[in-house]
C-alpha atoms as a PDB file:
ATOM      1  CA  MET A   1     165.073 233.832  -8.766  1.00  0.00           C
ATOM      2  CA  GLU A   2     164.595 233.879 -12.713  1.00  0.00           C
ATOM      3  CA  ARG A   3     162.049 236.348 -14.194  1.00  0.00           C
ATOM      4  CA  SER A   4     161.939 237.262 -17.797  1.00  0.00           C
ATOM      5  CA  ALA A   5     158.555 238.803 -18.208  1.00  0.00           C
ATOM      6  CA  LYS A   6     157.091 242.098 -16.683  1.00  0.00           C
ATOM      7  CA  LEU A   7     154.005 240.312 -15.430  1.00  0.00           C
ATOM      8  CA  ALA A   8     155.537 237.185 -14.206  1.00  0.00           C
ATOM      9  CA  PRO A   9     154.231 235.970 -10.650  1.00  0.00           C
ATOM     10  CA  ASP A  10     156.894 236.678  -7.620  1.00  0.00           C
ATOM     11  CA  ARG A  11     158.370 233.349  -6.102  1.00  0.00           C
ATOM     12  CA  GLU A  12     156.185 233.721  -3.588  1.00  0.00           C
ATOM     13  CA  THR A  13     153.172 232.904  -5.675  1.00  0.00           C
ATOM     14  CA  ILE A  14     155.080 229.875  -7.276  1.00  0.00           C
ATOM     15  CA  GLU A  15     156.055 229.011  -3.541  1.00  0.00           C
ATOM     16  CA  VAL A  16     152.259 229.043  -2.559  1.00  0.00           C
ATOM     17  CA  TRP A  17     151.690 226.519  -5.712  1.00  0.00           C
ATOM     18  CA  PHE A  18     154.021 223.923  -4.402  1.00  0.00           C
ATOM     19  CA  ARG A  19     152.653 224.351  -0.689  1.00  0.00           C
ATOM     20  CA  THR A  20     149.479 223.737  -2.033  1.00  0.00           C
ATOM     21  CA  LEU A  21     150.114 220.350  -3.618  1.00  0.00           C
ATOM     22  CA  GLU A  22     152.432 219.347  -0.638  1.00  0.00           C
ATOM     23  CA  SER A  23     149.326 219.880   1.624  1.00  0.00           C
ATOM     24  CA  CYS A  24     147.193 217.966  -0.908  1.00  0.00           C
ATOM     25  CA  VAL A  25     149.693 215.017  -1.274  1.00  0.00           C
ATOM     26  CA  ARG A  26     149.466 214.977   2.612  1.00  0.00           C
ATOM     27  CA  ALA A  27     145.925 214.870   3.137  1.00  0.00           C
ATOM     28  CA  MET A  28     145.081 212.805  -0.100  1.00  0.00           C
ATOM     29  CA  ASP A  29     143.251 215.869  -1.171  1.00  0.00           C
ATOM     30  CA  TYR A  30     142.551 215.168  -4.963  1.00  0.00           C
ATOM     31  CA  ALA A  31     139.808 217.614  -5.214  1.00  0.00           C
ATOM     32  CA  ARG A  32     141.759 220.056  -4.322  1.00  0.00           C
ATOM     33  CA  ALA A  33     144.851 219.397  -5.961  1.00  0.00           C
ATOM     34  CA  ARG A  34     142.469 219.287  -9.246  1.00  0.00           C
ATOM     35  CA  GLU A  35     142.008 222.929  -8.965  1.00  0.00           C
ATOM     36  CA  ILE A  36     145.692 223.903  -9.525  1.00  0.00           C
ATOM     37  CA  PHE A  37     146.455 221.707 -12.499  1.00  0.00           C
ATOM     38  CA  ALA A  38     144.739 222.300 -16.376  1.00  0.00           C
ATOM     39  CA  PRO A  39     141.988 219.346 -17.519  1.00  0.00           C
ATOM     40  CA  GLU A  40     144.612 218.839 -20.709  1.00  0.00           C
ATOM     41  CA  VAL A  41     147.869 218.605 -17.942  1.00  0.00           C
ATOM     42  CA  ILE A  42     150.121 215.957 -19.779  1.00  0.00           C
ATOM     43  CA  ALA A  43     152.321 214.442 -17.073  1.00  0.00           C
ATOM     44  CA  PHE A  44     155.257 211.846 -16.287  1.00  0.00           C
ATOM     45  CA  GLY A  45     155.338 210.420 -12.673  1.00  0.00           C
ATOM     46  CA  THR A  46     156.937 207.929 -10.579  1.00  0.00           C
ATOM     47  CA  ARG A  47     154.166 205.542 -11.310  1.00  0.00           C
ATOM     48  CA  ALA A  48     152.541 206.234 -14.710  1.00  0.00           C
ATOM     49  CA  GLU A  49     155.008 206.758 -17.807  1.00  0.00           C
ATOM     50  CA  VAL A  50     152.875 209.323 -19.542  1.00  0.00           C
ATOM     51  CA  VAL A  51     149.243 210.487 -18.796  1.00  0.00           C
ATOM     52  CA  GLU A  52     147.048 212.757 -20.615  1.00  0.00           C
ATOM     53  CA  GLY A  53     144.235 214.641 -18.897  1.00  0.00           C
ATOM     54  CA  LEU A  54     143.417 215.094 -15.278  1.00  0.00           C
ATOM     55  CA  ASP A  55     141.519 212.396 -14.650  1.00  0.00           C
ATOM     56  CA  HIS A  56     144.019 210.107 -15.930  1.00  0.00           C
ATOM     57  CA  LEU A  57     146.922 211.663 -13.834  1.00  0.00           C
ATOM     58  CA  GLU A  58     144.467 211.333 -10.359  1.00  0.00           C
ATOM     59  CA  ALA A  59     143.592 207.925 -11.698  1.00  0.00           C
ATOM     60  CA  ASP A  60     146.923 206.549 -12.766  1.00  0.00           C
ATOM     61  CA  GLN A  61     149.599 208.555 -10.395  1.00  0.00           C
ATOM     62  CA  TRP A  62     148.307 210.035  -7.495  1.00  0.00           C
ATOM     63  CA  ARG A  63     145.829 207.530  -6.024  1.00  0.00           C
ATOM     64  CA  GLY A  64     148.692 205.045  -6.800  1.00  0.00           C
ATOM     65  CA  VAL A  65     151.210 206.681  -5.166  1.00  0.00           C
ATOM     66  CA  TRP A  66     149.878 209.198  -2.406  1.00  0.00           C
ATOM     67  CA  PRO A  67     148.450 206.744  -0.148  1.00  0.00           C
ATOM     68  CA  THR A  68     151.607 204.877   0.340  1.00  0.00           C
ATOM     69  CA  ILE A  69     153.954 207.499   1.555  1.00  0.00           C
ATOM     70  CA  ARG A  70     154.338 210.019   3.876  1.00  0.00           C
ATOM     71  CA  ASP A  71     155.876 213.525   4.957  1.00  0.00           C
ATOM     72  CA  PHE A  72     155.445 214.572   1.224  1.00  0.00           C
ATOM     73  CA  THR A  73     157.724 218.075   0.933  1.00  0.00           C
ATOM     74  CA  PHE A  74     158.953 220.038  -1.484  1.00  0.00           C
ATOM     75  CA  ASP A  75     162.362 221.684  -0.847  1.00  0.00           C
ATOM     76  CA  LEU A  76     161.609 225.366  -1.830  1.00  0.00           C
ATOM     77  CA  GLY A  77     165.190 226.267  -0.987  1.00  0.00           C
ATOM     78  CA  GLN A  78     166.013 224.599  -4.222  1.00  0.00           C
ATOM     79  CA  LEU A  79     163.660 225.728  -6.664  1.00  0.00           C
ATOM     80  CA  HIS A  80     164.214 227.544  -9.817  1.00  0.00           C
ATOM     81  CA  TRP A  81     161.898 229.292 -11.789  1.00  0.00           C
ATOM     82  CA  GLY A  82     161.192 231.249 -15.261  1.00  0.00           C
ATOM     83  CA  TRP A  83     158.698 233.283 -16.553  1.00  0.00           C
ATOM     84  CA  SER A  84     157.492 234.763 -20.308  1.00  0.00           C
ATOM     85  CA  GLY A  85     154.342 236.252 -21.101  1.00  0.00           C
ATOM     86  CA  GLU A  86     151.399 233.644 -19.846  1.00  0.00           C
ATOM     87  CA  ALA A  87     153.710 230.722 -18.824  1.00  0.00           C
ATOM     88  CA  GLY A  88     156.495 229.316 -16.784  1.00  0.00           C
ATOM     89  CA  TRP A  89     158.285 226.394 -15.430  1.00  0.00           C
ATOM     90  CA  ALA A  90     159.667 225.363 -12.277  1.00  0.00           C
ATOM     91  CA  VAL A  91     162.023 222.712 -10.873  1.00  0.00           C
ATOM     92  CA  THR A  92     162.744 221.705  -7.315  1.00  0.00           C
ATOM     93  CA  ILE A  93     163.535 218.715  -5.234  1.00  0.00           C
ATOM     94  CA  TRP A  94     161.276 216.950  -2.768  1.00  0.00           C
ATOM     95  CA  THR A  95     161.172 214.264  -0.112  1.00  0.00           C
ATOM     96  CA  SER A  96     158.813 211.641   1.170  1.00  0.00           C
ATOM     97  CA  THR A  97     158.794 208.386   3.211  1.00  0.00           C
ATOM     98  CA  GLY A  98     158.140 205.437   1.686  1.00  0.00           C
ATOM     99  CA  PHE A  99     157.233 201.848   2.960  1.00  0.00           C
ATOM    100  CA  HIS A 100     159.069 198.275   1.776  1.00  0.00           C
ATOM    101  CA  PRO A 101     157.034 195.426   1.719  1.00  0.00           C
ATOM    102  CA  ASP A 102     157.501 194.445   5.484  1.00  0.00           C
ATOM    103  CA  GLY A 103     156.375 197.971   6.790  1.00  0.00           C
ATOM    104  CA  THR A 104     159.863 199.425   7.322  1.00  0.00           C
ATOM    105  CA  PRO A 105     160.002 203.185   6.382  1.00  0.00           C
ATOM    106  CA  PHE A 106     162.660 204.221   3.511  1.00  0.00           C
ATOM    107  CA  HIS A 107     163.760 208.093   2.359  1.00  0.00           C
ATOM    108  CA  ARG A 108     161.996 208.659  -1.032  1.00  0.00           C
ATOM    109  CA  PRO A 109     163.855 211.435  -2.632  1.00  0.00           C
ATOM    110  CA  GLY A 110     162.909 213.202  -5.822  1.00  0.00           C
ATOM    111  CA  ARG A 111     162.588 215.911  -8.280  1.00  0.00           C
ATOM    112  CA  ALA A 112     159.768 217.749  -9.698  1.00  0.00           C
ATOM    113  CA  THR A 113     159.275 219.883 -12.987  1.00  0.00           C
ATOM    114  CA  ILE A 114     156.132 221.953 -13.667  1.00  0.00           C
ATOM    115  CA  LEU A 115     155.174 224.065 -16.346  1.00  0.00           C
ATOM    116  CA  PHE A 116     152.769 226.667 -16.019  1.00  0.00           C
ATOM    117  CA  GLU A 117     150.312 228.857 -17.542  1.00  0.00           C
ATOM    118  CA  ARG A 118     148.063 231.701 -16.267  1.00  0.00           C
ATOM    119  CA  ARG A 119     144.303 231.238 -16.555  1.00  0.00           C
ATOM    120  CA  ASP A 120     142.190 233.563 -15.145  1.00  0.00           C
ATOM    121  CA  GLY A 121     144.849 235.125 -13.008  1.00  0.00           C
ATOM    122  CA  ARG A 122     145.505 231.266 -11.689  1.00  0.00           C
ATOM    123  CA  LEU A 123     148.481 229.420 -12.081  1.00  0.00           C
ATOM    124  CA  LEU A 124     147.631 225.817 -13.476  1.00  0.00           C
ATOM    125  CA  ALA A 125     150.243 223.416 -14.403  1.00  0.00           C
ATOM    126  CA  ILE A 126     149.893 222.328 -18.111  1.00  0.00           C
ATOM    127  CA  HIS A 127     152.719 219.603 -17.667  1.00  0.00           C
ATOM    128  CA  SER A 128     154.393 217.979 -14.382  1.00  0.00           C
ATOM    129  CA  HIS A 129     157.122 215.562 -14.229  1.00  0.00           C
ATOM    130  CA  PHE A 130     158.038 213.775 -10.949  1.00  0.00           C
ATOM    131  CA  SER A 131     160.818 211.335 -10.561  1.00  0.00           C
ATOM    132  CA  LEU A 132     163.047 209.241  -8.063  1.00  0.00           C
ATOM    133  CA  TYR A 133     166.580 210.120  -7.497  1.00  0.00           C
ATOM    134  CA  PRO A 134     168.360 207.103  -9.024  1.00  0.00           C
ATOM    135  CA  GLY A 135     168.870 204.144  -6.866  1.00  0.00           C
ATOM    136  CA  THR A 136     165.334 204.960  -4.688  1.00  0.00           C
ATOM    137  CA  PRO A 137     163.290 201.823  -4.715  1.00  0.00           C
ATOM    138  CA  PRO A 138     160.782 202.771  -7.170  1.00  0.00           C
ATOM    139  CA  ARG A 139     157.579 201.510  -4.966  1.00  0.00           C
ATOM    140  CA  SER A 140     156.299 202.363  -1.841  1.00  0.00           C
ATOM    141  CA  LEU A 141     153.363 200.128  -0.103  1.00  0.00           C
ATOM    142  CA  ARG A 142     150.600 201.309   1.588  1.00  0.00           C
ATOM    143  CA  PRO A 143     152.160 201.461   5.256  1.00  0.00           C
ATOM    144  CA  VAL A 144     150.710 199.720   8.080  1.00  0.00           C
ATOM    145  CA  GLU A 145     148.387 201.506  10.313  1.00  0.00           C
ATOM    146  CA  ILE A 146     148.858 200.762  13.767  1.00  0.00           C
ATOM    147  CA  SER A 147     145.826 201.478  16.341  1.00  0.00           C
END
């Protein structure tokens, strides 16, 4: 654990932010995910190179990836974070299941870096960077639903 400010959030608060995003990805709950990001967020993603603003993050990254993966999970045992004043950072790894064009699943691991600002007592992401581990297939296709 790394904390540098008296008013820094505790680890549990940081973990709650990640668990909230994790549940949003799994449920494809874009509205709820927007609540934990700043409107002016700048982001890099596994699909979008650089996006400016929450509308673009949702349209160019989230909506292009979340429907095509399953089992998205942060490994918070690997969480590292720091805080100073009203801003902080956190890094951790994550896993998900992707799907090849023929529908077969593949392991889709990655890592995330988040920069936070505290606004009105809430943690908001002002920057996010999600990347896949080297060698991971760059695209996942929408899994075939079996009825």
